[in-house]
């Protein structure tokens, strides 16, 4: 996946913002953590790290970023956001 804008190697996460679409969520797994990255409408990079094991395992099984967004939609629907 040379065209994919987020990758990892032994030194960490590598991001190629010039290859990113605006407002699209990208991901990778690094040291058993999920790293989520997106570029907003003002070209600001937003990065998030997820350590929750169950969620990381689900993210590892994702084949494309559309499925990733669906996973988070479902995950958030299952959470009680008032707690």
N, C-alpha and C. Protein backbone atom coordinates (compact mmCIF):
# COMPACT_ATOMS: atom_id res chain seq x y z
N UNK A 1 0.84 -1.20 0.00
CA UNK A 1 0.00 0.00 0.00
C UNK A 1 0.87 1.25 0.00
N UNK A 2 1.64 1.43 -1.06
CA UNK A 2 2.51 2.59 -1.16
C UNK A 2 1.74 3.90 -1.23
N UNK A 3 0.53 3.85 -1.75
CA UNK A 3 -0.25 5.08 -1.88
C UNK A 3 -0.99 5.44 -0.59
N UNK A 4 -1.05 4.53 0.36
CA UNK A 4 -1.75 4.80 1.61
C UNK A 4 -0.93 5.80 2.41
N UNK A 5 -1.54 6.88 2.89
CA UNK A 5 -0.78 7.97 3.50
C UNK A 5 -0.27 7.72 4.93
N UNK A 6 -0.66 6.61 5.55
CA UNK A 6 -0.22 6.32 6.91
C UNK A 6 0.43 4.94 6.92
N UNK A 7 1.64 4.87 7.46
CA UNK A 7 2.36 3.60 7.53
C UNK A 7 3.19 3.56 8.80
N UNK A 8 3.73 2.38 9.10
CA UNK A 8 4.59 2.25 10.27
C UNK A 8 5.87 1.52 9.88
N UNK A 9 6.92 1.81 10.63
CA UNK A 9 8.15 1.03 10.55
C UNK A 9 8.73 0.98 11.96
N UNK A 10 9.95 0.48 12.10
CA UNK A 10 10.52 0.31 13.44
C UNK A 10 10.69 1.63 14.18
N UNK A 11 10.68 2.75 13.46
CA UNK A 11 10.86 4.06 14.09
C UNK A 11 9.55 4.73 14.49
N UNK A 12 8.43 4.21 14.03
CA UNK A 12 7.15 4.81 14.39
C UNK A 12 6.22 4.98 13.22
N UNK A 13 5.25 5.86 13.41
CA UNK A 13 4.21 6.11 12.41
C UNK A 13 4.72 7.15 11.42
N UNK A 14 4.50 6.89 10.15
CA UNK A 14 4.87 7.82 9.08
C UNK A 14 3.58 8.31 8.41
N UNK A 15 3.46 9.62 8.28
CA UNK A 15 2.26 10.22 7.70
C UNK A 15 2.66 11.06 6.49
N UNK A 16 1.92 10.87 5.39
CA UNK A 16 2.14 11.65 4.17
C UNK A 16 0.89 12.48 3.91
N UNK A 17 0.80 13.66 4.53
CA UNK A 17 -0.42 14.48 4.41
C UNK A 17 -0.78 14.83 2.97
N UNK A 18 0.21 14.93 2.10
CA UNK A 18 -0.07 15.29 0.70
C UNK A 18 -0.87 14.21 -0.01
N UNK A 19 -0.88 12.99 0.52
CA UNK A 19 -1.65 11.90 -0.08
C UNK A 19 -3.01 11.71 0.58
N UNK A 20 -3.32 12.53 1.58
CA UNK A 20 -4.57 12.37 2.32
C UNK A 20 -5.70 13.19 1.70
N UNK A 21 -6.89 12.59 1.71
CA UNK A 21 -8.09 13.32 1.34
C UNK A 21 -8.59 14.05 2.58
N UNK A 22 -9.14 15.23 2.38
CA UNK A 22 -9.68 16.01 3.49
C UNK A 22 -10.87 15.28 4.11
N UNK A 23 -10.92 15.27 5.45
CA UNK A 23 -12.03 14.70 6.22
C UNK A 23 -12.19 13.20 6.04
N UNK A 24 -11.15 12.50 5.63
CA UNK A 24 -11.21 11.04 5.53
C UNK A 24 -10.34 10.45 6.63
N UNK A 25 -10.85 9.44 7.30
CA UNK A 25 -10.16 8.81 8.41
C UNK A 25 -9.22 7.71 7.90
N UNK A 26 -7.96 7.75 8.36
CA UNK A 26 -6.96 6.74 8.02
C UNK A 26 -6.48 6.08 9.31
N UNK A 27 -5.93 4.88 9.18
CA UNK A 27 -5.49 4.18 10.38
C UNK A 27 -4.28 3.30 10.13
N UNK A 28 -3.62 2.94 11.23
CA UNK A 28 -2.56 1.94 11.23
C UNK A 28 -2.44 1.40 12.65
N UNK A 29 -1.74 0.30 12.79
CA UNK A 29 -1.50 -0.30 14.11
C UNK A 29 -0.01 -0.19 14.39
N UNK A 30 0.32 0.33 15.58
CA UNK A 30 1.71 0.46 15.99
C UNK A 30 1.82 0.10 17.47
N UNK A 31 2.64 -0.89 17.78
CA UNK A 31 2.86 -1.34 19.16
C UNK A 31 1.54 -1.62 19.88
N UNK A 32 0.68 -2.40 19.22
CA UNK A 32 -0.61 -2.82 19.79
C UNK A 32 -1.55 -1.66 20.11
N UNK A 33 -1.36 -0.53 19.44
CA UNK A 33 -2.26 0.61 19.56
C UNK A 33 -2.73 0.97 18.16
N UNK A 34 -3.96 1.42 18.08
CA UNK A 34 -4.49 1.91 16.80
C UNK A 34 -4.23 3.40 16.73
N UNK A 35 -3.70 3.82 15.61
CA UNK A 35 -3.45 5.23 15.37
C UNK A 35 -4.42 5.68 14.29
N UNK A 36 -5.20 6.71 14.59
CA UNK A 36 -6.17 7.25 13.64
C UNK A 36 -5.72 8.65 13.25
N UNK A 37 -5.80 8.94 11.97
CA UNK A 37 -5.33 10.22 11.46
C UNK A 37 -6.32 10.75 10.43
N UNK A 38 -6.60 12.05 10.51
CA UNK A 38 -7.32 12.68 9.41
C UNK A 38 -6.93 14.14 9.29
N UNK A 39 -7.13 14.66 8.09
CA UNK A 39 -6.83 16.06 7.78
C UNK A 39 -8.16 16.78 7.64
N UNK A 40 -8.35 17.81 8.45
CA UNK A 40 -9.64 18.50 8.41
C UNK A 40 -9.70 19.51 7.27
N UNK A 41 -10.82 20.21 7.16
CA UNK A 41 -11.06 21.11 6.04
C UNK A 41 -10.10 22.29 6.00
N UNK A 42 -9.40 22.54 7.10
CA UNK A 42 -8.41 23.62 7.14
C UNK A 42 -6.98 23.07 7.03
N UNK A 43 -6.87 21.81 6.58
CA UNK A 43 -5.58 21.12 6.42
C UNK A 43 -4.83 20.94 7.73
N UNK A 44 -5.54 20.86 8.83
CA UNK A 44 -4.93 20.58 10.14
C UNK A 44 -4.97 19.07 10.36
N UNK A 45 -3.82 18.50 10.72
CA UNK A 45 -3.73 17.06 10.99
C UNK A 45 -4.28 16.76 12.38
N UNK A 46 -5.10 15.74 12.46
CA UNK A 46 -5.67 15.29 13.73
C UNK A 46 -5.27 13.84 13.91
N UNK A 47 -4.65 13.52 15.06
CA UNK A 47 -4.18 12.16 15.32
C UNK A 47 -4.72 11.68 16.66
N UNK A 48 -5.14 10.44 16.69
CA UNK A 48 -5.68 9.84 17.91
C UNK A 48 -5.06 8.47 18.11
N UNK A 49 -4.83 8.13 19.35
CA UNK A 49 -4.25 6.84 19.71
C UNK A 49 -5.29 6.07 20.53
N UNK A 50 -5.55 4.83 20.14
CA UNK A 50 -6.52 4.00 20.84
C UNK A 50 -5.79 2.81 21.44
N UNK A 51 -5.96 2.62 22.76
CA UNK A 51 -5.30 1.52 23.45
C UNK A 51 -6.27 0.42 23.88
N UNK A 52 -7.57 0.67 23.84
CA UNK A 52 -8.56 -0.31 24.28
C UNK A 52 -8.45 -1.58 23.44
N UNK A 53 -8.04 -2.68 24.09
CA UNK A 53 -7.69 -3.91 23.37
C UNK A 53 -8.79 -4.43 22.46
N UNK A 54 -10.03 -4.48 22.94
CA UNK A 54 -11.13 -5.00 22.12
C UNK A 54 -11.31 -4.17 20.85
N UNK A 55 -11.24 -2.87 21.01
CA UNK A 55 -11.42 -1.98 19.86
C UNK A 55 -10.23 -2.09 18.91
N UNK A 56 -9.02 -2.19 19.43
CA UNK A 56 -7.83 -2.34 18.59
C UNK A 56 -7.94 -3.63 17.77
N UNK A 57 -8.40 -4.72 18.39
CA UNK A 57 -8.54 -5.99 17.67
C UNK A 57 -9.54 -5.86 16.53
N UNK A 58 -10.63 -5.12 16.74
CA UNK A 58 -11.61 -4.91 15.67
C UNK A 58 -11.01 -4.07 14.56
N UNK A 59 -10.22 -3.07 14.91
CA UNK A 59 -9.60 -2.20 13.92
C UNK A 59 -8.60 -2.99 13.09
N UNK A 60 -7.88 -3.93 13.70
CA UNK A 60 -6.90 -4.75 12.97
C UNK A 60 -7.55 -5.53 11.83
N UNK A 61 -8.83 -5.86 11.97
CA UNK A 61 -9.53 -6.66 10.97
C UNK A 61 -10.12 -5.82 9.83
N UNK A 62 -10.01 -4.52 9.94
CA UNK A 62 -10.59 -3.62 8.94
C UNK A 62 -9.75 -3.65 7.66
N UNK A 63 -10.44 -3.76 6.53
CA UNK A 63 -9.75 -3.80 5.23
C UNK A 63 -9.73 -2.47 4.50
N UNK A 64 -10.69 -1.60 4.82
CA UNK A 64 -10.70 -0.30 4.15
C UNK A 64 -11.24 0.76 5.10
N UNK A 65 -11.01 2.02 4.75
CA UNK A 65 -11.35 3.10 5.66
C UNK A 65 -12.85 3.37 5.76
N UNK A 66 -13.63 2.97 4.75
CA UNK A 66 -15.08 3.10 4.87
C UNK A 66 -15.57 2.18 5.98
N UNK A 67 -15.03 0.96 6.04
CA UNK A 67 -15.39 0.03 7.12
C UNK A 67 -14.95 0.57 8.47
N UNK A 68 -13.84 1.28 8.51
CA UNK A 68 -13.36 1.87 9.76
C UNK A 68 -14.37 2.89 10.29
N UNK A 69 -14.88 3.73 9.42
CA UNK A 69 -15.86 4.71 9.84
C UNK A 69 -17.15 4.03 10.32
N UNK A 70 -17.56 2.96 9.65
CA UNK A 70 -18.74 2.21 10.09
C UNK A 70 -18.51 1.59 11.46
N UNK A 71 -17.30 1.06 11.69
CA UNK A 71 -16.97 0.48 12.99
C UNK A 71 -17.13 1.53 14.09
N UNK A 72 -16.63 2.72 13.88
CA UNK A 72 -16.75 3.76 14.91
C UNK A 72 -18.17 4.24 15.08
N UNK A 73 -18.94 4.31 14.00
CA UNK A 73 -20.35 4.65 14.13
C UNK A 73 -21.06 3.65 15.04
N UNK A 74 -20.82 2.36 14.77
CA UNK A 74 -21.43 1.31 15.59
C UNK A 74 -20.91 1.34 17.03
N UNK A 75 -19.62 1.55 17.18
CA UNK A 75 -19.02 1.61 18.52
C UNK A 75 -19.63 2.74 19.35
N UNK A 76 -19.77 3.90 18.73
CA UNK A 76 -20.33 5.04 19.46
C UNK A 76 -21.81 4.85 19.78
N UNK A 77 -22.53 4.18 18.90
CA UNK A 77 -23.95 3.90 19.17
C UNK A 77 -24.08 2.97 20.37
N UNK A 78 -23.09 2.10 20.58
CA UNK A 78 -23.13 1.15 21.69
C UNK A 78 -22.65 1.72 23.01
N UNK A 79 -22.11 2.91 22.99
CA UNK A 79 -21.59 3.53 24.21
C UNK A 79 -22.66 4.40 24.85
N UNK A 80 -22.68 4.42 26.18
CA UNK A 80 -23.54 5.35 26.90
C UNK A 80 -22.72 6.62 27.09
N UNK A 81 -22.96 7.60 26.24
CA UNK A 81 -22.15 8.81 26.24
C UNK A 81 -22.44 9.74 27.43
N UNK A 82 -23.41 9.39 28.25
CA UNK A 82 -23.73 10.22 29.41
C UNK A 82 -22.90 9.85 30.63
N UNK A 83 -22.15 8.78 30.56
CA UNK A 83 -21.31 8.36 31.72
C UNK A 83 -19.96 8.98 31.65
